Amino acid sequence: MKHVLDFEKPIFELQQKLDELQKHPEQHSLGISFEEEIQQIQSKIAETRRQIYSNLSPWQRVQLARHPKRPYALDYIASVFTGFQELHGDRLYADDQAVVGGFAKLNDQKVMVIGTQKGRDTKENIRRNFGSAHPEGYRKALRLMKMADKFALPIVCLIDTAGAYPGIGAEERHIAEAIAVNLREMMLIESPIIAVVIGEGGSGGALGIGVADRVLILENAYYSVISPEGCAAILWKERSATPKAAEALKITGRDLLELKLVDGIVAEPLGGAHTDAAAASAALKEAVVQALGEVQSMTVEARRQSRYSKFRSHGRFSEPETAATTA
């Protein structure tokens, strides 16, 4: 069944009309042809698509980032990389299947690729925990990063998670500590690190594998400290304020680039990555190769210092000037 978002309904309705017309063969005996009507509707669909997808609101981009047909980490790993050999387990507790990772090749270069993985159906989502990692997921990711560092392999992280898992079990196994350790250790890794937000970039769950020399974001992905729904519930006390919250949070690629929280935006096909996965993969590959080339040209110490300074500069505040007091 086709998944249609609210703002996509005009396109869907036109497409239904087009499909209906195309079902009827031309009736030459009666001199009836639908060719002109078909061309008109095709032109109208193209124009409507362009208008809608060129003027998406932040909330609409969030909806596209969560689209169930959107390519996930393993989809990009299969199309962008070759020879992927998945590695399992954190060597401490378990293998968290919300986090995948292993050796692969990017063109002719060996790399370590790590990503958060969602499921396509209920059964897989339960197995993948809807892409929300437990502490062992972050510890597995760090184990793989240190292995890559040992062999001087670049690291590519693909981020797509609503956030780290907030359940009791995760708290018992110290989810906050696992993420904090990753933040610290990723600052010290000598290998180049490229992170790409390919869908949802939720809070510390995303940042746990997101401390990188270059942070990229797909055009219709988002990166935020809290979900728009959570923000609306806290600030406006009502779910209907979700679009307003998405706007206020500045979570889209354009806003994040302006705030210098990401280093680049990867363009998606018109309508989102799910409409043309091959084109989306090609764009992602080109962006990662370019970013990797930039950071590999730096010395190890310069790269680590740049990475540290980059994240230390995040977050700014100003204080009002106080009036001078007289004695």
C-alpha atoms as a PDB file:
ATOM      1  CA  MET A   1       0.000   0.000   0.000  1.00  0.00           C
ATOM      2  CA  LYS A   2       1.334   3.428  -0.961  1.00  0.00           C
ATOM      3  CA  HIS A   3       2.166   5.658   1.998  1.00  0.00           C
ATOM      4  CA  VAL A   4       0.879   9.163   1.250  1.00  0.00           C
ATOM      5  CA  LEU A   5       1.609  12.120   3.520  1.00  0.00           C
ATOM      6  CA  ASP A   6      -1.026  14.825   3.973  1.00  0.00           C
ATOM      7  CA  PHE A   7       0.799  17.411   1.875  1.00  0.00           C
ATOM      8  CA  GLU A   8       1.315  14.834  -0.910  1.00  0.00           C
ATOM      9  CA  LYS A   9      -2.429  14.225  -1.446  1.00  0.00           C
ATOM     10  CA  PRO A  10      -2.780  16.661  -4.400  1.00  0.00           C
ATOM     11  CA  ILE A  11      -0.076  14.696  -6.236  1.00  0.00           C
ATOM     12  CA  PHE A  12      -1.661  11.372  -5.306  1.00  0.00           C
ATOM     13  CA  GLU A  13      -5.092  12.447  -6.545  1.00  0.00           C
ATOM     14  CA  LEU A  14      -3.653  13.597  -9.880  1.00  0.00           C
ATOM     15  CA  GLN A  15      -1.746  10.340 -10.187  1.00  0.00           C
ATOM     16  CA  GLN A  16      -4.958   8.385  -9.631  1.00  0.00           C
ATOM     17  CA  LYS A  17      -6.640  10.308 -12.466  1.00  0.00           C
ATOM     18  CA  LEU A  18      -3.646   9.617 -14.706  1.00  0.00           C
ATOM     19  CA  ASP A  19      -3.694   5.903 -13.899  1.00  0.00           C
ATOM     20  CA  GLU A  20      -7.399   5.747 -14.635  1.00  0.00           C
ATOM     21  CA  LEU A  21      -6.951   7.373 -18.039  1.00  0.00           C
ATOM     22  CA  GLN A  22      -4.031   5.114 -18.923  1.00  0.00           C
ATOM     23  CA  LYS A  23      -6.137   2.039 -18.215  1.00  0.00           C
ATOM     24  CA  HIS A  24      -8.383   2.831 -21.153  1.00  0.00           C
ATOM     25  CA  PRO A  25      -6.884   2.041 -24.571  1.00  0.00           C
ATOM     26  CA  GLU A  26      -7.389   4.526 -27.327  1.00  0.00           C
ATOM     27  CA  GLN A  27     -10.692   3.923 -29.069  1.00  0.00           C
ATOM     28  CA  HIS A  28      -9.653   4.420 -32.681  1.00  0.00           C
ATOM     29  CA  SER A  29     -12.953   3.156 -34.017  1.00  0.00           C
ATOM     30  CA  LEU A  30     -14.734   6.026 -32.308  1.00  0.00           C
ATOM     31  CA  GLY A  31     -11.967   8.504 -32.953  1.00  0.00           C
ATOM     32  CA  ILE A  32     -11.391   9.008 -29.206  1.00  0.00           C
ATOM     33  CA  SER A  33      -7.900   9.559 -27.779  1.00  0.00           C
ATOM     34  CA  PHE A  34      -6.848  10.365 -24.243  1.00  0.00           C
ATOM     35  CA  GLU A  35      -3.298  11.326 -25.217  1.00  0.00           C
ATOM     36  CA  GLU A  36      -3.828  15.071 -24.820  1.00  0.00           C
ATOM     37  CA  GLU A  37      -5.505  14.680 -21.415  1.00  0.00           C
ATOM     38  CA  ILE A  38      -2.709  12.366 -20.265  1.00  0.00           C
ATOM     39  CA  GLN A  39      -0.031  14.878 -21.237  1.00  0.00           C
ATOM     40  CA  GLN A  40      -1.884  17.671 -19.454  1.00  0.00           C
ATOM     41  CA  ILE A  41      -2.148  15.658 -16.238  1.00  0.00           C
ATOM     42  CA  GLN A  42       1.518  14.610 -16.445  1.00  0.00           C
ATOM     43  CA  SER A  43       2.517  18.251 -16.756  1.00  0.00           C
ATOM     44  CA  LYS A  44       0.240  19.170 -13.845  1.00  0.00           C
ATOM     45  CA  ILE A  45       1.780  16.403 -11.685  1.00  0.00           C
ATOM     46  CA  ALA A  46       5.313  17.609 -12.455  1.00  0.00           C
ATOM     47  CA  GLU A  47       4.428  21.225 -11.629  1.00  0.00           C
ATOM     48  CA  THR A  48       2.579  20.267  -8.438  1.00  0.00           C
ATOM     49  CA  ARG A  49       5.506  18.129  -7.272  1.00  0.00           C
ATOM     50  CA  ARG A  50       7.918  20.962  -7.912  1.00  0.00           C
ATOM     51  CA  GLN A  51       5.786  23.480  -6.016  1.00  0.00           C
ATOM     52  CA  ILE A  52       5.187  21.216  -3.018  1.00  0.00           C
ATOM     53  CA  TYR A  53       8.694  19.840  -2.558  1.00  0.00           C
ATOM     54  CA  SER A  54      10.414  23.163  -3.182  1.00  0.00           C
ATOM     55  CA  ASN A  55       8.514  24.804  -0.317  1.00  0.00           C
ATOM     56  CA  LEU A  56       8.464  22.195   2.440  1.00  0.00           C
ATOM     57  CA  SER A  57       8.000  23.356   6.026  1.00  0.00           C
ATOM     58  CA  PRO A  58      10.269  21.965   8.769  1.00  0.00           C
ATOM     59  CA  TRP A  59       7.463  19.660   9.977  1.00  0.00           C
ATOM     60  CA  GLN A  60       6.928  18.322   6.468  1.00  0.00           C
ATOM     61  CA  ARG A  61      10.650  17.532   6.223  1.00  0.00           C
ATOM     62  CA  VAL A  62      10.400  15.676   9.534  1.00  0.00           C
ATOM     63  CA  GLN A  63       7.577  13.615   8.050  1.00  0.00           C
ATOM     64  CA  LEU A  64       9.745  12.787   5.025  1.00  0.00           C
ATOM     65  CA  ALA A  65      12.646  11.869   7.325  1.00  0.00           C
ATOM     66  CA  ARG A  66      10.341   9.303   8.964  1.00  0.00           C
ATOM     67  CA  HIS A  67       8.866   7.977   5.712  1.00  0.00           C
ATOM     68  CA  PRO A  68       8.604   4.158   5.993  1.00  0.00           C
ATOM     69  CA  LYS A  69       9.978   3.702   2.461  1.00  0.00           C
ATOM     70  CA  ARG A  70      13.013   5.910   3.046  1.00  0.00           C
ATOM     71  CA  PRO A  71      16.397   4.136   2.615  1.00  0.00           C
ATOM     72  CA  TYR A  72      17.891   3.021   5.914  1.00  0.00           C
ATOM     73  CA  ALA A  73      21.515   2.499   6.926  1.00  0.00           C
ATOM     74  CA  LEU A  74      21.783  -1.037   5.526  1.00  0.00           C
ATOM     75  CA  ASP A  75      20.264   0.134   2.234  1.00  0.00           C
ATOM     76  CA  TYR A  76      22.958   2.786   1.859  1.00  0.00           C
ATOM     77  CA  ILE A  77      25.658   0.365   2.991  1.00  0.00           C
ATOM     78  CA  ALA A  78      24.598  -2.049   0.251  1.00  0.00           C
ATOM     79  CA  SER A  79      24.492   0.626  -2.471  1.00  0.00           C
ATOM     80  CA  VAL A  80      27.344   2.969  -1.501  1.00  0.00           C
ATOM     81  CA  PHE A  81      29.879   0.486  -0.133  1.00  0.00           C
ATOM     82  CA  THR A  82      31.133  -2.907  -1.290  1.00  0.00           C
ATOM     83  CA  GLY A  83      32.318  -6.013   0.543  1.00  0.00           C
ATOM     84  CA  PHE A  84      30.499  -5.177   3.772  1.00  0.00           C
ATOM     85  CA  GLN A  85      31.384  -7.630   6.541  1.00  0.00           C
ATOM     86  CA  GLU A  86      29.193  -7.061   9.579  1.00  0.00           C
ATOM     87  CA  LEU A  87      30.702  -7.409  13.055  1.00  0.00           C
ATOM     88  CA  HIS A  88      28.605  -8.146  16.114  1.00  0.00           C
ATOM     89  CA  GLY A  89      28.582  -7.641  19.879  1.00  0.00           C
ATOM     90  CA  ASP A  90      30.074  -5.224  22.386  1.00  0.00           C
ATOM     91  CA  ARG A  91      32.115  -7.959  24.168  1.00  0.00           C
ATOM     92  CA  LEU A  92      30.497  -6.873  27.417  1.00  0.00           C
ATOM     93  CA  TYR A  93      26.804  -7.704  27.345  1.00  0.00           C
ATOM     94  CA  ALA A  94      25.052  -8.383  24.030  1.00  0.00           C
ATOM     95  CA  ASP A  95      24.689  -7.597  20.337  1.00  0.00           C
ATOM     96  CA  ASP A  96      22.352  -4.629  19.875  1.00  0.00           C
ATOM     97  CA  GLN A  97      20.784  -4.943  16.444  1.00  0.00           C
ATOM     98  CA  ALA A  98      19.725  -1.298  16.414  1.00  0.00           C
ATOM     99  CA  VAL A  99      23.378  -0.583  15.598  1.00  0.00           C
ATOM    100  CA  VAL A 100      25.080  -2.242  12.636  1.00  0.00           C
ATOM    101  CA  GLY A 101      28.691  -1.958  11.613  1.00  0.00           C
ATOM    102  CA  GLY A 102      31.640  -3.616  10.000  1.00  0.00           C
ATOM    103  CA  PHE A 103      34.415  -3.457   7.432  1.00  0.00           C
ATOM    104  CA  ALA A 104      33.614  -2.302   3.905  1.00  0.00           C
ATOM    105  CA  LYS A 105      35.119  -0.559   0.900  1.00  0.00           C
ATOM    106  CA  LEU A 106      34.305   2.923  -0.327  1.00  0.00           C
ATOM    107  CA  ASN A 107      35.535   2.807  -3.914  1.00  0.00           C
ATOM    108  CA  ASP A 108      38.976   1.230  -3.389  1.00  0.00           C
ATOM    109  CA  GLN A 109      39.445   2.434   0.187  1.00  0.00           C
ATOM    110  CA  LYS A 110      38.870   0.210   3.188  1.00  0.00           C
ATOM    111  CA  VAL A 111      36.664   1.818   5.828  1.00  0.00           C
ATOM    112  CA  MET A 112      34.672   1.013   8.943  1.00  0.00           C
ATOM    113  CA  VAL A 113      31.001   1.844   8.446  1.00  0.00           C
ATOM    114  CA  ILE A 114      28.584   2.092  11.394  1.00  0.00           C
ATOM    115  CA  GLY A 115      24.913   3.009  11.409  1.00  0.00           C
ATOM    116  CA  THR A 116      21.660   2.965  13.354  1.00  0.00           C
ATOM    117  CA  GLN A 117      19.140   0.668  11.690  1.00  0.00           C
ATOM    118  CA  LYS A 118      15.329   0.690  11.768  1.00  0.00           C
ATOM    119  CA  GLY A 119      13.005  -2.110  10.669  1.00  0.00           C
ATOM    120  CA  ARG A 120      10.681  -2.320   7.681  1.00  0.00           C
ATOM    121  CA  ASP A 121       7.894  -4.199   9.436  1.00  0.00           C
ATOM    122  CA  THR A 122       6.713  -4.838  12.984  1.00  0.00           C
ATOM    123  CA  LYS A 123       8.804  -7.969  13.429  1.00  0.00           C
ATOM    124  CA  GLU A 124      12.019  -6.322  12.270  1.00  0.00           C
ATOM    125  CA  ASN A 125      11.290  -3.137  14.188  1.00  0.00           C
ATOM    126  CA  ILE A 126      11.022  -5.164  17.386  1.00  0.00           C
ATOM    127  CA  ARG A 127      14.332  -6.856  16.579  1.00  0.00           C
ATOM    128  CA  ARG A 128      15.952  -3.506  15.755  1.00  0.00           C
ATOM    129  CA  ASN A 129      14.156  -1.742  18.632  1.00  0.00           C
ATOM    130  CA  PHE A 130      12.848   0.843  16.129  1.00  0.00           C
ATOM    131  CA  GLY A 131      16.408   2.085  15.626  1.00  0.00           C
ATOM    132  CA  SER A 132      16.804   3.169  19.269  1.00  0.00           C
ATOM    133  CA  ALA A 133      20.040   1.749  20.625  1.00  0.00           C
ATOM    134  CA  HIS A 134      20.685   0.309  24.085  1.00  0.00           C
ATOM    135  CA  PRO A 135      23.993   0.949  25.904  1.00  0.00           C
ATOM    136  CA  GLU A 136      25.490  -2.159  24.288  1.00  0.00           C
ATOM    137  CA  GLY A 137      24.809  -0.613  20.878  1.00  0.00           C
ATOM    138  CA  TYR A 138      26.985   2.394  21.646  1.00  0.00           C
ATOM    139  CA  ARG A 139      29.624   0.174  23.211  1.00  0.00           C
ATOM    140  CA  LYS A 140      29.630  -1.984  20.078  1.00  0.00           C
ATOM    141  CA  ALA A 141      30.018   1.141  17.948  1.00  0.00           C
ATOM    142  CA  LEU A 142      32.949   2.321  20.062  1.00  0.00           C
ATOM    143  CA  ARG A 143      34.587  -1.122  19.879  1.00  0.00           C
ATOM    144  CA  LEU A 144      34.421  -0.972  16.091  1.00  0.00           C
ATOM    145  CA  MET A 145      35.749   2.592  16.017  1.00  0.00           C
ATOM    146  CA  LYS A 146      38.734   1.627  18.138  1.00  0.00           C
ATOM    147  CA  MET A 147      39.367  -1.331  15.863  1.00  0.00           C
ATOM    148  CA  ALA A 148      39.301   1.012  12.870  1.00  0.00           C
ATOM    149  CA  ASP A 149      41.660   3.365  14.684  1.00  0.00           C
ATOM    150  CA  LYS A 150      44.062   0.497  15.335  1.00  0.00           C
ATOM    151  CA  PHE A 151      44.259  -0.283  11.629  1.00  0.00           C
ATOM    152  CA  ALA A 152      44.158   3.396  10.526  1.00  0.00           C
ATOM    153  CA  LEU A 153      40.837   2.994   8.702  1.00  0.00           C
ATOM    154  CA  PRO A 154      38.474   5.930   8.096  1.00  0.00           C
ATOM    155  CA  ILE A 155      35.109   5.711   9.893  1.00  0.00           C
ATOM    156  CA  VAL A 156      31.742   6.528   8.304  1.00  0.00           C
ATOM    157  CA  CYS A 157      28.694   6.802  10.589  1.00  0.00           C
ATOM    158  CA  LEU A 158      25.123   6.786   9.232  1.00  0.00           C
ATOM    159  CA  ILE A 159      22.668   8.265  11.739  1.00  0.00           C
ATOM    160  CA  ASP A 160      18.953   7.474  11.704  1.00  0.00           C
ATOM    161  CA  THR A 161      17.410   7.249  15.149  1.00  0.00           C
ATOM    162  CA  ALA A 162      14.658   8.967  17.104  1.00  0.00           C
ATOM    163  CA  GLY A 163      16.983   8.724  20.114  1.00  0.00           C
ATOM    164  CA  ALA A 164      18.668   6.279  22.451  1.00  0.00           C
ATOM    165  CA  TYR A 165      16.325   3.787  24.127  1.00  0.00           C
ATOM    166  CA  PRO A 166      14.951   5.330  27.380  1.00  0.00           C
ATOM    167  CA  GLY A 167      13.746   2.102  29.021  1.00  0.00           C
ATOM    168  CA  ILE A 168      14.532   0.758  32.483  1.00  0.00           C
ATOM    169  CA  GLY A 169      16.956  -1.857  31.163  1.00  0.00           C
ATOM    170  CA  ALA A 170      18.948   0.781  29.290  1.00  0.00           C
ATOM    171  CA  GLU A 171      19.114   2.917  32.437  1.00  0.00           C
ATOM    172  CA  GLU A 172      20.228  -0.077  34.500  1.00  0.00           C
ATOM    173  CA  ARG A 173      23.062  -0.683  32.041  1.00  0.00           C
ATOM    174  CA  HIS A 174      24.028   3.027  32.057  1.00  0.00           C
ATOM    175  CA  ILE A 175      22.882   4.448  28.731  1.00  0.00           C
ATOM    176  CA  ALA A 176      23.996   7.988  29.629  1.00  0.00           C
ATOM    177  CA  GLU A 177      27.468   6.765  30.575  1.00  0.00           C
ATOM    178  CA  ALA A 178      27.788   4.768  27.337  1.00  0.00           C
ATOM    179  CA  ILE A 179      26.947   7.822  25.221  1.00  0.00           C
ATOM    180  CA  ALA A 180      29.212  10.095  27.297  1.00  0.00           C
ATOM    181  CA  VAL A 181      32.144   7.714  26.859  1.00  0.00           C
ATOM    182  CA  ASN A 182      31.562   7.671  23.098  1.00  0.00           C
ATOM    183  CA  LEU A 183      31.620  11.478  22.985  1.00  0.00           C
ATOM    184  CA  ARG A 184      34.909  11.542  24.847  1.00  0.00           C
ATOM    185  CA  GLU A 185      36.584   8.719  22.955  1.00  0.00           C
ATOM    186  CA  MET A 186      35.514   9.897  19.506  1.00  0.00           C
ATOM    187  CA  MET A 187      37.297  13.176  20.195  1.00  0.00           C
ATOM    188  CA  LEU A 188      40.527  11.219  20.655  1.00  0.00           C
ATOM    189  CA  ILE A 189      40.335   8.831  17.688  1.00  0.00           C
ATOM    190  CA  GLU A 190      43.078   9.492  15.148  1.00  0.00           C
ATOM    191  CA  SER A 191      41.256   8.061  12.130  1.00  0.00           C
ATOM    192  CA  PRO A 192      39.125  10.428  10.017  1.00  0.00           C
ATOM    193  CA  ILE A 193      35.419  10.320  10.933  1.00  0.00           C
ATOM    194  CA  ILE A 194      32.530  11.304   8.662  1.00  0.00           C
ATOM    195  CA  ALA A 195      28.973  11.297  10.034  1.00  0.00           C
ATOM    196  CA  VAL A 196      25.826  11.613   7.930  1.00  0.00           C
ATOM    197  CA  VAL A 197      22.298  12.117   9.281  1.00  0.00           C
ATOM    198  CA  ILE A 198      20.284  10.100   6.745  1.00  0.00           C
ATOM    199  CA  GLY A 199      16.871  10.329   8.441  1.00  0.00           C
ATOM    200  CA  GLU A 200      16.143  11.139  12.053  1.00  0.00           C
ATOM    201  CA  GLY A 201      18.885  12.601  14.205  1.00  0.00           C
ATOM    202  CA  GLY A 202      17.473  12.423  17.685  1.00  0.00           C
ATOM    203  CA  SER A 203      19.342  13.975  20.608  1.00  0.00           C
ATOM    204  CA  GLY A 204      22.167  12.107  22.358  1.00  0.00           C
ATOM    205  CA  GLY A 205      21.146   8.948  20.571  1.00  0.00           C
ATOM    206  CA  ALA A 206      22.389  10.526  17.344  1.00  0.00           C
ATOM    207  CA  LEU A 207      25.339  12.321  18.896  1.00  0.00           C
ATOM    208  CA  GLY A 208      26.588   9.026  20.368  1.00  0.00           C
ATOM    209  CA  ILE A 209      28.009   8.153  16.949  1.00  0.00           C
ATOM    210  CA  GLY A 210      28.022  11.695  15.583  1.00  0.00           C
ATOM    211  CA  VAL A 211      31.247  13.275  16.852  1.00  0.00           C
ATOM    212  CA  ALA A 212      33.006  13.597  13.514  1.00  0.00           C
ATOM    213  CA  ASP A 213      35.398  15.701  11.486  1.00  0.00           C
ATOM    214  CA  ARG A 214      32.590  16.389   9.021  1.00  0.00           C
ATOM    215  CA  VAL A 215      28.880  16.151   9.844  1.00  0.00           C
ATOM    216  CA  LEU A 216      26.611  16.002   6.798  1.00  0.00           C
ATOM    217  CA  ILE A 217      22.829  15.841   6.613  1.00  0.00           C
ATOM    218  CA  LEU A 218      20.484  14.710   3.872  1.00  0.00           C
ATOM    219  CA  GLU A 219      18.183  17.421   2.557  1.00  0.00           C
ATOM    220  CA  ASN A 220      15.040  15.995   4.183  1.00  0.00           C
ATOM    221  CA  ALA A 221      16.625  14.661   7.359  1.00  0.00           C
ATOM    222  CA  TYR A 222      16.560  16.463  10.700  1.00  0.00           C
ATOM    223  CA  TYR A 223      18.901  16.769  13.699  1.00  0.00           C
ATOM    224  CA  SER A 224      17.445  17.886  17.020  1.00  0.00           C
ATOM    225  CA  VAL A 225      17.845  17.788  20.785  1.00  0.00           C
ATOM    226  CA  ILE A 226      14.187  16.755  21.101  1.00  0.00           C
ATOM    227  CA  SER A 227      11.406  15.630  18.785  1.00  0.00           C
ATOM    228  CA  PRO A 228       8.912  18.283  17.613  1.00  0.00           C
ATOM    229  CA  GLU A 229       6.163  16.344  19.416  1.00  0.00           C
ATOM    230  CA  GLY A 230       8.122  16.374  22.677  1.00  0.00           C
ATOM    231  CA  CYS A 231       8.874  20.067  22.358  1.00  0.00           C
ATOM    232  CA  ALA A 232       5.201  20.856  21.650  1.00  0.00           C
ATOM    233  CA  ALA A 233       4.114  18.873  24.700  1.00  0.00           C
ATOM    234  CA  ILE A 234       6.546  20.722  26.966  1.00  0.00           C
ATOM    235  CA  LEU A 235       6.173  24.282  25.697  1.00  0.00           C
ATOM    236  CA  TRP A 236       2.633  24.420  24.314  1.00  0.00           C
ATOM    237  CA  LYS A 237       1.024  21.519  26.202  1.00  0.00           C
ATOM    238  CA  GLU A 238      -0.718  20.314  23.049  1.00  0.00           C
ATOM    239  CA  ARG A 239       0.161  18.055  20.107  1.00  0.00           C
ATOM    240  CA  SER A 240      -1.361  20.460  17.578  1.00  0.00           C
ATOM    241  CA  ALA A 241       1.617  22.773  18.163  1.00  0.00           C
ATOM    242  CA  THR A 242       4.017  20.226  16.655  1.00  0.00           C
ATOM    243  CA  PRO A 243       4.516  22.131  13.342  1.00  0.00           C
ATOM    244  CA  LYS A 244       5.207  25.312  15.345  1.00  0.00           C
ATOM    245  CA  ALA A 245       7.736  23.420  17.473  1.00  0.00           C
ATOM    246  CA  ALA A 246       9.486  22.040  14.387  1.00  0.00           C
ATOM    247  CA  GLU A 247       9.855  25.578  13.077  1.00  0.00           C
ATOM    248  CA  ALA A 248      11.173  26.923  16.388  1.00  0.00           C
ATOM    249  CA  LEU A 249      13.701  24.119  16.897  1.00  0.00           C
ATOM    250  CA  LYS A 250      15.661  24.957  13.710  1.00  0.00           C
ATOM    251  CA  ILE A 251      16.203  21.288  12.922  1.00  0.00           C
ATOM    252  CA  THR A 252      16.365  21.213   9.126  1.00  0.00           C
ATOM    253  CA  GLY A 253      19.542  21.088   7.077  1.00  0.00           C
ATOM    254  CA  ARG A 254      19.362  24.719   5.987  1.00  0.00           C
ATOM    255  CA  ASP A 255      18.991  25.999   9.560  1.00  0.00           C
ATOM    256  CA  LEU A 256      21.660  23.670  10.902  1.00  0.00           C
ATOM    257  CA  LEU A 257      24.131  24.730   8.217  1.00  0.00           C
ATOM    258  CA  GLU A 258      23.487  28.390   9.019  1.00  0.00           C
ATOM    259  CA  LEU A 259      24.062  27.666  12.714  1.00  0.00           C
ATOM    260  CA  LYS A 260      27.259  25.743  11.817  1.00  0.00           C
ATOM    261  CA  LEU A 261      25.978  22.569  13.452  1.00  0.00           C
ATOM    262  CA  VAL A 262      26.476  20.614  10.223  1.00  0.00           C
ATOM    263  CA  ASP A 263      29.095  21.019   7.508  1.00  0.00           C
ATOM    264  CA  GLY A 264      27.064  20.250   4.427  1.00  0.00           C
ATOM    265  CA  ILE A 265      23.686  19.265   2.987  1.00  0.00           C
ATOM    266  CA  VAL A 266      23.352  16.287   0.650  1.00  0.00           C
ATOM    267  CA  ALA A 267      20.691  16.934  -1.983  1.00  0.00           C
ATOM    268  CA  GLU A 268      17.870  14.405  -2.367  1.00  0.00           C
ATOM    269  CA  PRO A 269      15.755  13.581  -5.420  1.00  0.00           C
ATOM    270  CA  LEU A 270      12.593  15.686  -5.732  1.00  0.00           C
ATOM    271  CA  GLY A 271      10.049  14.116  -3.388  1.00  0.00           C
ATOM    272  CA  GLY A 272      12.583  12.564  -1.020  1.00  0.00           C
ATOM    273  CA  ALA A 273      15.223   9.835  -1.005  1.00  0.00           C
ATOM    274  CA  HIS A 274      12.569   7.101  -1.134  1.00  0.00           C
ATOM    275  CA  THR A 275      11.421   8.222  -4.599  1.00  0.00           C
ATOM    276  CA  ASP A 276      14.805   7.416  -6.173  1.00  0.00           C
ATOM    277  CA  ALA A 277      17.058   5.428  -3.845  1.00  0.00           C
ATOM    278  CA  ALA A 278      19.759   5.006  -6.496  1.00  0.00           C
ATOM    279  CA  ALA A 279      20.102   8.771  -7.017  1.00  0.00           C
ATOM    280  CA  ALA A 280      20.090   9.373  -3.260  1.00  0.00           C
ATOM    281  CA  SER A 281      22.839   6.786  -2.795  1.00  0.00           C
ATOM    282  CA  ALA A 282      24.941   8.328  -5.554  1.00  0.00           C
ATOM    283  CA  ALA A 283      24.661  11.781  -3.969  1.00  0.00           C
ATOM    284  CA  LEU A 284      25.531  10.386  -0.535  1.00  0.00           C
ATOM    285  CA  LYS A 285      28.564   8.551  -1.885  1.00  0.00           C
ATOM    286  CA  GLU A 286      29.864  11.637  -3.665  1.00  0.00           C
ATOM    287  CA  ALA A 287      29.478  13.765  -0.523  1.00  0.00           C
ATOM    288  CA  VAL A 288      31.186  11.219   1.737  1.00  0.00           C
ATOM    289  CA  VAL A 289      34.112  10.730  -0.676  1.00  0.00           C
ATOM    290  CA  GLN A 290      34.617  14.488  -0.946  1.00  0.00           C
ATOM    291  CA  ALA A 291      34.430  15.043   2.828  1.00  0.00           C
ATOM    292  CA  LEU A 292      36.777  12.154   3.484  1.00  0.00           C
ATOM    293  CA  GLY A 293      39.302  13.540   1.026  1.00  0.00           C
ATOM    294  CA  GLU A 294      39.264  16.886   2.827  1.00  0.00           C
ATOM    295  CA  VAL A 295      39.942  15.498   6.301  1.00  0.00           C
ATOM    296  CA  GLN A 296      42.485  12.915   5.145  1.00  0.00           C
ATOM    297  CA  SER A 297      44.665  15.728   3.828  1.00  0.00           C
ATOM    298  CA  MET A 298      45.121  16.989   7.404  1.00  0.00           C
ATOM    299  CA  THR A 299      47.675  15.720   9.886  1.00  0.00           C
ATOM    300  CA  VAL A 300      46.380  13.570  12.722  1.00  0.00           C
ATOM    301  CA  GLU A 301      46.926  16.253  15.354  1.00  0.00           C
ATOM    302  CA  ALA A 302      45.399  18.988  13.215  1.00  0.00           C
ATOM    303  CA  ARG A 303      42.385  16.792  12.524  1.00  0.00           C
ATOM    304  CA  ARG A 304      41.805  15.989  16.182  1.00  0.00           C
ATOM    305  CA  GLN A 305      42.224  19.614  17.235  1.00  0.00           C
ATOM    306  CA  SER A 306      39.828  20.739  14.523  1.00  0.00           C
ATOM    307  CA  ARG A 307      37.276  18.140  15.602  1.00  0.00           C
ATOM    308  CA  TYR A 308      37.538  19.199  19.238  1.00  0.00           C
ATOM    309  CA  SER A 309      37.267  22.909  18.430  1.00  0.00           C
ATOM    310  CA  LYS A 310      34.316  22.267  16.144  1.00  0.00           C
ATOM    311  CA  PHE A 311      32.184  20.719  18.871  1.00  0.00           C
ATOM    312  CA  ARG A 312      33.379  23.052  21.607  1.00  0.00           C
ATOM    313  CA  SER A 313      32.108  25.970  19.535  1.00  0.00           C
ATOM    314  CA  HIS A 314      28.547  24.585  19.435  1.00  0.00           C
ATOM    315  CA  GLY A 315      26.055  26.482  21.537  1.00  0.00           C
ATOM    316  CA  ARG A 316      26.193  30.219  22.098  1.00  0.00           C
ATOM    317  CA  PHE A 317      24.540  32.558  24.519  1.00  0.00           C
ATOM    318  CA  SER A 318      24.522  36.247  25.306  1.00  0.00           C
ATOM    319  CA  GLU A 319      23.892  38.121  28.502  1.00  0.00           C
ATOM    320  CA  PRO A 320      22.223  41.534  28.719  1.00  0.00           C
ATOM    321  CA  GLU A 321      24.516  44.368  29.645  1.00  0.00           C
ATOM    322  CA  THR A 322      23.928  45.524  33.207  1.00  0.00           C
ATOM    323  CA  ALA A 323      23.533  49.224  33.848  1.00  0.00           C
ATOM    324  CA  ALA A 324      26.484  50.789  35.608  1.00  0.00           C
ATOM    325  CA  THR A 325      25.747  51.404  39.248  1.00  0.00           C
ATOM    326  CA  THR A 326      26.711  54.599  40.991  1.00  0.00           C
ATOM    327  CA  ALA A 327      28.106  54.726  44.461  1.00  0.00           C
END
